[in-house]
C-alpha atoms as a PDB file:
ATOM      1  CA  MET A   1      14.818  13.791 -41.073  1.00  0.00           C
ATOM      2  CA  LYS A   2      16.268  16.803 -39.244  1.00  0.00           C
ATOM      3  CA  LYS A   3      13.310  16.774 -36.843  1.00  0.00           C
ATOM      4  CA  LYS A   4      13.893  13.068 -36.200  1.00  0.00           C
ATOM      5  CA  ILE A   5      17.579  13.631 -35.443  1.00  0.00           C
ATOM      6  CA  TRP A   6      16.765  16.619 -33.210  1.00  0.00           C
ATOM      7  CA  ARG A   7      14.225  14.617 -31.187  1.00  0.00           C
ATOM      8  CA  HIS A   8      16.657  11.721 -30.854  1.00  0.00           C
ATOM      9  CA  ARG A   9      19.401  14.025 -29.542  1.00  0.00           C
ATOM     10  CA  LEU A  10      16.957  15.621 -27.123  1.00  0.00           C
ATOM     11  CA  HIS A  11      15.867  12.188 -25.892  1.00  0.00           C
ATOM     12  CA  GLU A  12      19.483  11.191 -25.282  1.00  0.00           C
ATOM     13  CA  ILE A  13      20.116  14.302 -23.175  1.00  0.00           C
ATOM     14  CA  ILE A  14      16.931  14.083 -21.094  1.00  0.00           C
ATOM     15  CA  TYR A  15      16.438  10.353 -20.569  1.00  0.00           C
ATOM     16  CA  GLU A  16      19.994   8.990 -20.631  1.00  0.00           C
ATOM     17  CA  ALA A  17      22.694   9.708 -18.077  1.00  0.00           C
ATOM     18  CA  ASP A  18      25.726   8.009 -19.655  1.00  0.00           C
ATOM     19  CA  THR A  19      26.607  10.941 -21.930  1.00  0.00           C
ATOM     20  CA  PRO A  20      28.295  14.223 -20.902  1.00  0.00           C
ATOM     21  CA  ALA A  21      25.211  16.212 -21.924  1.00  0.00           C
ATOM     22  CA  GLY A  22      22.911  13.812 -20.065  1.00  0.00           C
ATOM     23  CA  LYS A  23      25.009  14.000 -16.903  1.00  0.00           C
ATOM     24  CA  ALA A  24      25.068  17.794 -17.053  1.00  0.00           C
ATOM     25  CA  PHE A  25      21.290  17.895 -17.547  1.00  0.00           C
ATOM     26  CA  ASP A  26      20.723  15.620 -14.541  1.00  0.00           C
ATOM     27  CA  LEU A  27      23.118  17.610 -12.366  1.00  0.00           C
ATOM     28  CA  ILE A  28      21.417  20.923 -13.182  1.00  0.00           C
ATOM     29  CA  LEU A  29      17.995  19.482 -12.445  1.00  0.00           C
ATOM     30  CA  LEU A  30      19.213  18.004  -9.160  1.00  0.00           C
ATOM     31  CA  ILE A  31      20.406  21.438  -8.074  1.00  0.00           C
ATOM     32  CA  PHE A  32      17.112  23.125  -8.958  1.00  0.00           C
ATOM     33  CA  ILE A  33      15.008  20.383  -7.347  1.00  0.00           C
ATOM     34  CA  LEU A  34      16.901  20.767  -4.077  1.00  0.00           C
ATOM     35  CA  LEU A  35      16.712  24.542  -4.369  1.00  0.00           C
ATOM     36  CA  SER A  36      12.942  24.414  -4.896  1.00  0.00           C
ATOM     37  CA  VAL A  37      12.442  22.272  -1.791  1.00  0.00           C
ATOM     38  CA  ILE A  38      14.593  24.701   0.224  1.00  0.00           C
ATOM     39  CA  LEU A  39      12.435  27.594  -1.022  1.00  0.00           C
ATOM     40  CA  VAL A  40       9.258  25.834   0.103  1.00  0.00           C
ATOM     41  CA  ALA A  41      10.801  25.274   3.533  1.00  0.00           C
ATOM     42  CA  LEU A  42      11.910  28.924   3.814  1.00  0.00           C
ATOM     43  CA  GLU A  43       8.448  30.165   2.810  1.00  0.00           C
ATOM     44  CA  SER A  44       6.958  28.307   5.776  1.00  0.00           C
ATOM     45  CA  VAL A  45       9.030  30.438   8.192  1.00  0.00           C
ATOM     46  CA  ASP A  46       6.888  33.519   8.842  1.00  0.00           C
ATOM     47  CA  TRP A  47       9.615  36.121   9.359  1.00  0.00           C
ATOM     48  CA  ILE A  48      11.579  34.953   6.309  1.00  0.00           C
ATOM     49  CA  ASP A  49       8.461  34.969   4.140  1.00  0.00           C
ATOM     50  CA  GLN A  50       7.467  38.446   5.333  1.00  0.00           C
ATOM     51  CA  GLU A  51      10.896  39.954   4.764  1.00  0.00           C
ATOM     52  CA  TYR A  52      11.903  38.165   1.557  1.00  0.00           C
ATOM     53  CA  HIS A  53       8.526  37.263   0.040  1.00  0.00           C
ATOM     54  CA  SER A  54       9.226  39.018  -3.269  1.00  0.00           C
ATOM     55  CA  VAL A  55      12.630  37.377  -3.693  1.00  0.00           C
ATOM     56  CA  LEU A  56      11.263  33.936  -2.838  1.00  0.00           C
ATOM     57  CA  ASN A  57       8.309  34.431  -5.177  1.00  0.00           C
ATOM     58  CA  VAL A  58      10.523  35.417  -8.125  1.00  0.00           C
ATOM     59  CA  ALA A  59      12.868  32.485  -7.450  1.00  0.00           C
ATOM     60  CA  GLU A  60       9.935  30.087  -7.276  1.00  0.00           C
ATOM     61  CA  TRP A  61       8.466  31.407 -10.532  1.00  0.00           C
ATOM     62  CA  PHE A  62      11.844  30.995 -12.229  1.00  0.00           C
ATOM     63  CA  ILE A  63      12.115  27.381 -11.069  1.00  0.00           C
ATOM     64  CA  THR A  64       8.482  26.668 -11.971  1.00  0.00           C
ATOM     65  CA  ILE A  65       9.012  27.949 -15.524  1.00  0.00           C
ATOM     66  CA  LEU A  66      12.200  25.895 -15.772  1.00  0.00           C
ATOM     67  CA  PHE A  67      10.365  22.716 -14.742  1.00  0.00           C
ATOM     68  CA  THR A  68       7.525  23.571 -17.124  1.00  0.00           C
ATOM     69  CA  ILE A  69      10.015  23.690 -19.989  1.00  0.00           C
ATOM     70  CA  GLU A  70      11.542  20.421 -18.794  1.00  0.00           C
ATOM     71  CA  TYR A  71       8.085  18.792 -18.714  1.00  0.00           C
ATOM     72  CA  ALA A  72       7.327  19.981 -22.256  1.00  0.00           C
ATOM     73  CA  LEU A  73      10.688  18.728 -23.556  1.00  0.00           C
ATOM     74  CA  ARG A  74      10.105  15.319 -21.967  1.00  0.00           C
ATOM     75  CA  VAL A  75       6.724  15.077 -23.692  1.00  0.00           C
ATOM     76  CA  ILE A  76       7.933  16.028 -27.168  1.00  0.00           C
ATOM     77  CA  SER A  77      11.136  13.954 -27.062  1.00  0.00           C
ATOM     78  CA  ILE A  78       9.325  10.588 -27.059  1.00  0.00           C
ATOM     79  CA  LYS A  79       7.161   9.061 -29.759  1.00  0.00           C
ATOM     80  CA  LYS A  80       4.246   8.257 -27.460  1.00  0.00           C
ATOM     81  CA  PRO A  81       3.890  11.124 -24.941  1.00  0.00           C
ATOM     82  CA  SER A  82       1.161   9.289 -23.005  1.00  0.00           C
ATOM     83  CA  PHE A  83       3.772   6.814 -21.703  1.00  0.00           C
ATOM     84  CA  TYR A  84       5.458   9.685 -19.869  1.00  0.00           C
ATOM     85  CA  ILE A  85       2.383  11.792 -19.029  1.00  0.00           C
ATOM     86  CA  PHE A  86       0.647   8.925 -17.186  1.00  0.00           C
ATOM     87  CA  SER A  87       3.799   7.419 -15.694  1.00  0.00           C
ATOM     88  CA  PHE A  88       4.699   7.827 -12.013  1.00  0.00           C
ATOM     89  CA  TYR A  89       7.351  10.469 -12.698  1.00  0.00           C
ATOM     90  CA  GLY A  90       5.141  12.224 -15.248  1.00  0.00           C
ATOM     91  CA  ILE A  91       2.356  12.647 -12.693  1.00  0.00           C
ATOM     92  CA  ILE A  92       4.836  13.790 -10.016  1.00  0.00           C
ATOM     93  CA  ASP A  93       6.333  16.352 -12.408  1.00  0.00           C
ATOM     94  CA  LEU A  94       2.875  17.727 -13.209  1.00  0.00           C
ATOM     95  CA  VAL A  95       1.595  17.758  -9.613  1.00  0.00           C
ATOM     96  CA  SER A  96       4.705  19.541  -8.350  1.00  0.00           C
ATOM     97  CA  THR A  97       4.621  22.185 -11.098  1.00  0.00           C
ATOM     98  CA  LEU A  98       0.911  23.088 -11.292  1.00  0.00           C
ATOM     99  CA  PRO A  99       0.458  24.589  -7.779  1.00  0.00           C
ATOM    100  CA  LYS A 100       2.318  27.783  -8.636  1.00  0.00           C
ATOM    101  CA  TYR A 101       0.029  28.374 -11.624  1.00  0.00           C
ATOM    102  CA  LEU A 102      -3.107  27.431  -9.673  1.00  0.00           C
ATOM    103  CA  SER A 103      -2.200  29.934  -6.963  1.00  0.00           C
ATOM    104  CA  LEU A 104      -2.895  32.692  -9.490  1.00  0.00           C
ATOM    105  CA  PHE A 105      -6.607  31.822  -9.409  1.00  0.00           C
ATOM    106  CA  PHE A 106      -7.034  32.006  -5.627  1.00  0.00           C
ATOM    107  CA  PHE A 107      -7.492  35.477  -4.164  1.00  0.00           C
ATOM    108  CA  GLY A 108      -8.460  36.858  -0.775  1.00  0.00           C
ATOM    109  CA  THR A 109      -7.722  35.861   2.785  1.00  0.00           C
ATOM    110  CA  GLN A 110     -10.282  33.056   2.691  1.00  0.00           C
ATOM    111  CA  SER A 111      -8.052  31.107   0.310  1.00  0.00           C
ATOM    112  CA  LEU A 112      -4.893  31.221   2.433  1.00  0.00           C
ATOM    113  CA  ILE A 113      -5.377  27.646   3.670  1.00  0.00           C
ATOM    114  CA  THR A 114      -5.801  26.418   0.100  1.00  0.00           C
ATOM    115  CA  LEU A 115      -2.706  28.313  -0.980  1.00  0.00           C
ATOM    116  CA  ARG A 116      -0.700  26.745   1.829  1.00  0.00           C
ATOM    117  CA  ALA A 117      -1.825  23.273   0.696  1.00  0.00           C
ATOM    118  CA  LEU A 118      -0.868  24.090  -2.887  1.00  0.00           C
ATOM    119  CA  ARG A 119       2.545  25.329  -1.767  1.00  0.00           C
ATOM    120  CA  LEU A 120       3.156  22.135   0.149  1.00  0.00           C
ATOM    121  CA  LEU A 121       2.422  20.103  -2.988  1.00  0.00           C
ATOM    122  CA  ARG A 122       5.639  21.507  -4.438  1.00  0.00           C
ATOM    123  CA  VAL A 123       7.532  19.359  -1.936  1.00  0.00           C
ATOM    124  CA  PHE A 124       6.674  16.458  -4.248  1.00  0.00           C
ATOM    125  CA  ARG A 125       9.485  17.724  -6.463  1.00  0.00           C
ATOM    126  CA  ILE A 126      11.853  15.901  -4.145  1.00  0.00           C
ATOM    127  CA  LEU A 127      10.421  12.651  -5.537  1.00  0.00           C
ATOM    128  CA  LYS A 128      11.947  13.667  -8.854  1.00  0.00           C
ATOM    129  CA  LEU A 129      15.302  12.991  -7.232  1.00  0.00           C
ATOM    130  CA  THR A 130      14.744   9.243  -7.440  1.00  0.00           C
ATOM    131  CA  ARG A 131      14.907   9.480 -11.227  1.00  0.00           C
ATOM    132  CA  TYR A 132      18.510  10.671 -11.017  1.00  0.00           C
ATOM    133  CA  ILE A 133      19.801   8.350  -8.320  1.00  0.00           C
ATOM    134  CA  GLY A 134      21.305   5.358 -10.088  1.00  0.00           C
ATOM    135  CA  GLU A 135      20.571   2.782  -7.379  1.00  0.00           C
ATOM    136  CA  SER A 136      16.944   3.835  -6.803  1.00  0.00           C
ATOM    137  CA  ASN A 137      15.545   1.417  -9.397  1.00  0.00           C
ATOM    138  CA  SER A 138      17.494  -1.463  -7.878  1.00  0.00           C
ATOM    139  CA  LEU A 139      16.181  -0.557  -4.435  1.00  0.00           C
ATOM    140  CA  VAL A 140      12.575  -0.430  -5.661  1.00  0.00           C
ATOM    141  CA  LYS A 141      12.980  -3.810  -7.349  1.00  0.00           C
ATOM    142  CA  ALA A 142      14.565  -5.268  -4.217  1.00  0.00           C
ATOM    143  CA  MET A 143      11.673  -4.056  -2.067  1.00  0.00           C
ATOM    144  CA  ALA A 144       9.132  -5.421  -4.535  1.00  0.00           C
ATOM    145  CA  ALA A 145      10.895  -8.806  -4.628  1.00  0.00           C
ATOM    146  CA  SER A 146      10.996  -8.872  -0.815  1.00  0.00           C
ATOM    147  CA  LYS A 147       7.365  -7.926  -0.225  1.00  0.00           C
ATOM    148  CA  THR A 148       6.114 -11.513   0.212  1.00  0.00           C
ATOM    149  CA  LYS A 149       8.765 -12.349   2.801  1.00  0.00           C
ATOM    150  CA  ILE A 150       8.214  -9.069   4.611  1.00  0.00           C
ATOM    151  CA  LEU A 151       4.425  -9.538   4.651  1.00  0.00           C
ATOM    152  CA  VAL A 152       4.805 -13.044   6.102  1.00  0.00           C
ATOM    153  CA  PHE A 153       7.222 -11.676   8.681  1.00  0.00           C
ATOM    154  CA  MET A 154       4.887  -8.797   9.600  1.00  0.00           C
ATOM    155  CA  PHE A 155       2.011 -11.255   9.963  1.00  0.00           C
ATOM    156  CA  GLY A 156       4.153 -13.220  12.419  1.00  0.00           C
ATOM    157  CA  VAL A 157       4.873 -10.003  14.352  1.00  0.00           C
ATOM    158  CA  VAL A 158       1.144  -9.238  14.566  1.00  0.00           C
ATOM    159  CA  ILE A 159       0.528 -12.720  15.981  1.00  0.00           C
ATOM    160  CA  LEU A 160       3.248 -12.150  18.601  1.00  0.00           C
ATOM    161  CA  CYS A 161       1.694  -8.812  19.568  1.00  0.00           C
ATOM    162  CA  VAL A 162      -1.735 -10.411  20.008  1.00  0.00           C
ATOM    163  CA  ILE A 163      -0.297 -13.236  22.136  1.00  0.00           C
ATOM    164  CA  PHE A 164       1.886 -11.016  24.329  1.00  0.00           C
ATOM    165  CA  GLY A 165      -0.826  -8.373  24.579  1.00  0.00           C
ATOM    166  CA  SER A 166      -3.369 -10.918  25.762  1.00  0.00           C
ATOM    167  CA  LEU A 167      -0.828 -12.316  28.225  1.00  0.00           C
ATOM    168  CA  MET A 168      -0.112  -8.868  29.671  1.00  0.00           C
ATOM    169  CA  TYR A 169      -3.843  -8.217  30.006  1.00  0.00           C
ATOM    170  CA  MET A 170      -4.107 -11.309  32.209  1.00  0.00           C
ATOM    171  CA  ILE A 171      -0.997 -10.496  34.249  1.00  0.00           C
ATOM    172  CA  GLU A 172      -1.372  -6.753  34.826  1.00  0.00           C
ATOM    173  CA  SER A 173      -4.199  -4.849  36.501  1.00  0.00           C
ATOM    174  CA  ASP A 174      -6.390  -2.112  35.062  1.00  0.00           C
ATOM    175  CA  GLU A 175      -4.580   0.432  37.240  1.00  0.00           C
ATOM    176  CA  SER A 176      -1.382  -0.229  35.261  1.00  0.00           C
ATOM    177  CA  GLY A 177      -3.151   0.769  32.056  1.00  0.00           C
ATOM    178  CA  PHE A 178      -3.815  -2.722  30.694  1.00  0.00           C
ATOM    179  CA  SER A 179      -7.578  -2.227  30.803  1.00  0.00           C
ATOM    180  CA  SER A 180      -8.382  -4.206  27.656  1.00  0.00           C
ATOM    181  CA  ILE A 181      -6.780  -6.581  25.190  1.00  0.00           C
ATOM    182  CA  PRO A 182      -6.640  -3.974  22.367  1.00  0.00           C
ATOM    183  CA  ARG A 183      -4.914  -1.510  24.716  1.00  0.00           C
ATOM    184  CA  SER A 184      -2.499  -4.232  25.824  1.00  0.00           C
ATOM    185  CA  ILE A 185      -1.761  -5.066  22.176  1.00  0.00           C
ATOM    186  CA  TYR A 186      -1.090  -1.362  21.562  1.00  0.00           C
ATOM    187  CA  TRP A 187       1.417  -1.396  24.443  1.00  0.00           C
ATOM    188  CA  CYS A 188       3.072  -4.495  22.987  1.00  0.00           C
ATOM    189  CA  ILE A 189       3.468  -2.854  19.553  1.00  0.00           C
ATOM    190  CA  VAL A 190       4.946   0.289  21.111  1.00  0.00           C
ATOM    191  CA  THR A 191       7.360  -1.795  23.192  1.00  0.00           C
ATOM    192  CA  LEU A 192       8.282  -4.234  20.434  1.00  0.00           C
ATOM    193  CA  THR A 193       9.172  -1.406  18.055  1.00  0.00           C
ATOM    194  CA  THR A 194      11.329   0.156  20.827  1.00  0.00           C
ATOM    195  CA  VAL A 195       9.286   3.391  20.696  1.00  0.00           C
ATOM    196  CA  GLY A 196       8.317   3.332  24.367  1.00  0.00           C
ATOM    197  CA  TYR A 197       5.850   6.195  24.902  1.00  0.00           C
ATOM    198  CA  GLY A 198       5.615   5.399  28.619  1.00  0.00           C
ATOM    199  CA  ASP A 199       1.856   5.963  28.851  1.00  0.00           C
ATOM    200  CA  ILE A 200       1.406   2.320  29.907  1.00  0.00           C
ATOM    201  CA  ALA A 201       3.913   0.368  31.984  1.00  0.00           C
ATOM    202  CA  PRO A 202       3.820  -2.993  33.797  1.00  0.00           C
ATOM    203  CA  THR A 203       4.145  -2.935  37.584  1.00  0.00           C
ATOM    204  CA  SER A 204       4.206  -6.614  38.529  1.00  0.00           C
ATOM    205  CA  PRO A 205       7.550  -8.508  38.518  1.00  0.00           C
ATOM    206  CA  PHE A 206       6.283 -11.095  36.017  1.00  0.00           C
ATOM    207  CA  GLY A 207       4.863  -8.367  33.768  1.00  0.00           C
ATOM    208  CA  GLN A 208       8.177  -6.533  33.837  1.00  0.00           C
ATOM    209  CA  PHE A 209       9.967  -9.780  32.929  1.00  0.00           C
ATOM    210  CA  ILE A 210       7.664 -10.269  29.933  1.00  0.00           C
ATOM    211  CA  ALA A 211       8.248  -6.629  28.955  1.00  0.00           C
ATOM    212  CA  SER A 212      12.019  -7.205  29.064  1.00  0.00           C
ATOM    213  CA  VAL A 213      11.656 -10.202  26.754  1.00  0.00           C
ATOM    214  CA  ILE A 214       9.573  -8.134  24.324  1.00  0.00           C
ATOM    215  CA  MET A 215      12.150  -5.322  24.340  1.00  0.00           C
ATOM    216  CA  ILE A 216      14.973  -7.726  23.506  1.00  0.00           C
ATOM    217  CA  LEU A 217      12.868  -9.310  20.757  1.00  0.00           C
ATOM    218  CA  GLY A 218      12.268  -5.822  19.370  1.00  0.00           C
ATOM    219  CA  TYR A 219      15.917  -5.317  18.442  1.00  0.00           C
ATOM    220  CA  GLY A 220      15.977  -8.569  16.478  1.00  0.00           C
ATOM    221  CA  ILE A 221      12.611  -7.933  14.815  1.00  0.00           C
ATOM    222  CA  ILE A 222      13.677  -4.507  13.541  1.00  0.00           C
ATOM    223  CA  ALA A 223      16.773  -6.017  11.909  1.00  0.00           C
ATOM    224  CA  VAL A 224      14.943  -8.774  10.002  1.00  0.00           C
ATOM    225  CA  PRO A 225      13.199  -6.658   7.294  1.00  0.00           C
ATOM    226  CA  THR A 226      16.445  -4.743   6.754  1.00  0.00           C
ATOM    227  CA  GLY A 227      18.302  -8.009   6.209  1.00  0.00           C
ATOM    228  CA  ILE A 228      15.657  -9.306   3.786  1.00  0.00           C
ATOM    229  CA  VAL A 229      15.769  -6.172   1.631  1.00  0.00           C
ATOM    230  CA  SER A 230      19.585  -5.961   1.829  1.00  0.00           C
ATOM    231  CA  ALA A 231      19.999  -9.545   0.611  1.00  0.00           C
ATOM    232  CA  GLU A 232      17.623  -8.950  -2.286  1.00  0.00           C
ATOM    233  CA  PHE A 233      19.316  -5.641  -3.073  1.00  0.00           C
ATOM    234  CA  ALA A 234      22.694  -7.400  -3.305  1.00  0.00           C
ATOM    235  CA  GLN A 235      21.200  -9.903  -5.741  1.00  0.00           C
ATOM    236  CA  GLN A 236      19.677  -7.118  -7.803  1.00  0.00           C
ATOM    237  CA  ASN A 237      23.088  -5.456  -8.124  1.00  0.00           C
ATOM    238  CA  THR A 238      24.565  -8.668  -9.523  1.00  0.00           C
ATOM    239  CA  ARG A 239      21.758  -9.003 -12.067  1.00  0.00           C
ATOM    240  CA  VAL A 240      21.127  -5.423 -13.184  1.00  0.00           C
ATOM    241  CA  HIS A 241      23.576  -3.700 -15.523  1.00  0.00           C
ATOM    242  CA  LYS A 242      24.247  -0.002 -15.216  1.00  0.00           C
ATOM    243  CA  ASN A 243      23.336   1.062 -18.772  1.00  0.00           C
ATOM    244  CA  THR A 244      20.851   3.896 -18.991  1.00  0.00           C
ATOM    245  CA  GLN A 245      19.839   3.852 -22.663  1.00  0.00           C
ATOM    246  CA  ALA A 246      16.071   4.392 -22.729  1.00  0.00           C
ATOM    247  CA  CYS A 247      13.584   3.489 -25.453  1.00  0.00           C
ATOM    248  CA  PRO A 248      12.189   6.619 -27.164  1.00  0.00           C
ATOM    249  CA  ASN A 249       8.879   4.794 -27.712  1.00  0.00           C
ATOM    250  CA  CYS A 250       7.930   3.166 -24.370  1.00  0.00           C
ATOM    251  CA  MET A 251      10.602   4.728 -22.082  1.00  0.00           C
ATOM    252  CA  THR A 252      11.904   1.348 -20.880  1.00  0.00           C
ATOM    253  CA  ALA A 253      15.478   1.858 -19.668  1.00  0.00           C
ATOM    254  CA  GLU A 254      18.584  -0.261 -18.957  1.00  0.00           C
ATOM    255  CA  HIS A 255      19.325  -1.356 -22.517  1.00  0.00           C
ATOM    256  CA  LYS A 256      22.855  -2.261 -23.487  1.00  0.00           C
ATOM    257  CA  ASP A 257      24.724   0.428 -25.370  1.00  0.00           C
ATOM    258  CA  ASP A 258      24.930  -1.751 -28.492  1.00  0.00           C
ATOM    259  CA  ALA A 259      21.281  -2.879 -28.343  1.00  0.00           C
ATOM    260  CA  VAL A 260      19.359  -2.392 -31.577  1.00  0.00           C
ATOM    261  CA  TYR A 261      15.797  -3.092 -30.425  1.00  0.00           C
ATOM    262  CA  CYS A 262      13.892  -2.371 -27.218  1.00  0.00           C
ATOM    263  CA  HIS A 263      13.461  -5.531 -25.147  1.00  0.00           C
ATOM    264  CA  ASN A 264       9.994  -4.350 -24.105  1.00  0.00           C
ATOM    265  CA  CYS A 265       8.227  -3.051 -27.235  1.00  0.00           C
ATOM    266  CA  GLY A 266      10.621  -4.042 -30.036  1.00  0.00           C
ATOM    267  CA  GLU A 267      11.151  -0.453 -31.198  1.00  0.00           C
ATOM    268  CA  ILE A 268      14.442   0.437 -32.899  1.00  0.00           C
ATOM    269  CA  LEU A 269      16.545   2.287 -30.340  1.00  0.00           C
ATOM    270  CA  ASN A 270      18.840   4.238 -32.615  1.00  0.00           C
ATOM    271  CA  ASP A 271      17.018   4.764 -35.886  1.00  0.00           C
ATOM    272  CA  VAL A 272      18.718   7.986 -36.960  1.00  0.00           C
END
């Protein structure tokens, strides 16, 4: 019974953010996640790494051990550890923690490239931030709900690029850079997205007029996906409550504080 109560308390601290202990836990982790990303960035600067390598290495080992303990506590605080281990955040936590340990098995100058790749993997820790940002789940849901509209819209944009690209190929000469339809379509995409590399440019008056139309269309086209996601995000905020109580069995969150059973697996939420 004591073990059951202990695991329940641990679960509340780690997976729920509406308690003082849970908020403190999240805040501490946020600080160390940001600190770890800063360390990775500093290590990539040669003179800083050469002068402060030992300090950076000790700091990184300290943070790695801290995240290792966090990972272990997350595993043991739920009834079915596989739900966390194979979840998105579980994989990110593991991938961002292992590189420091793996670096112990690579020796010699020939492994420097591999070590650099392993060090860069630690940047994935920044993805852990999304777990502690309250609106991140609503944003993900809004983007998922908007994907059909956005895909249809993007398909329409591709059609426009093919049409305008083909038109510019007929209007402009090869000397202007419009030597083929694919190259003209590339120019249209660059222009429509307002990137404007300048490697290809129309020279004829009619071609420049068409380019002006495409540039103006670009401003409107960029705003459409933003509006679609924003509208869906607003609807999500009206539907989703802010409770953070998570199921200790399947890790499903957003239960009401007075909920007895998990709405996903039916497990008792507070059985201690």
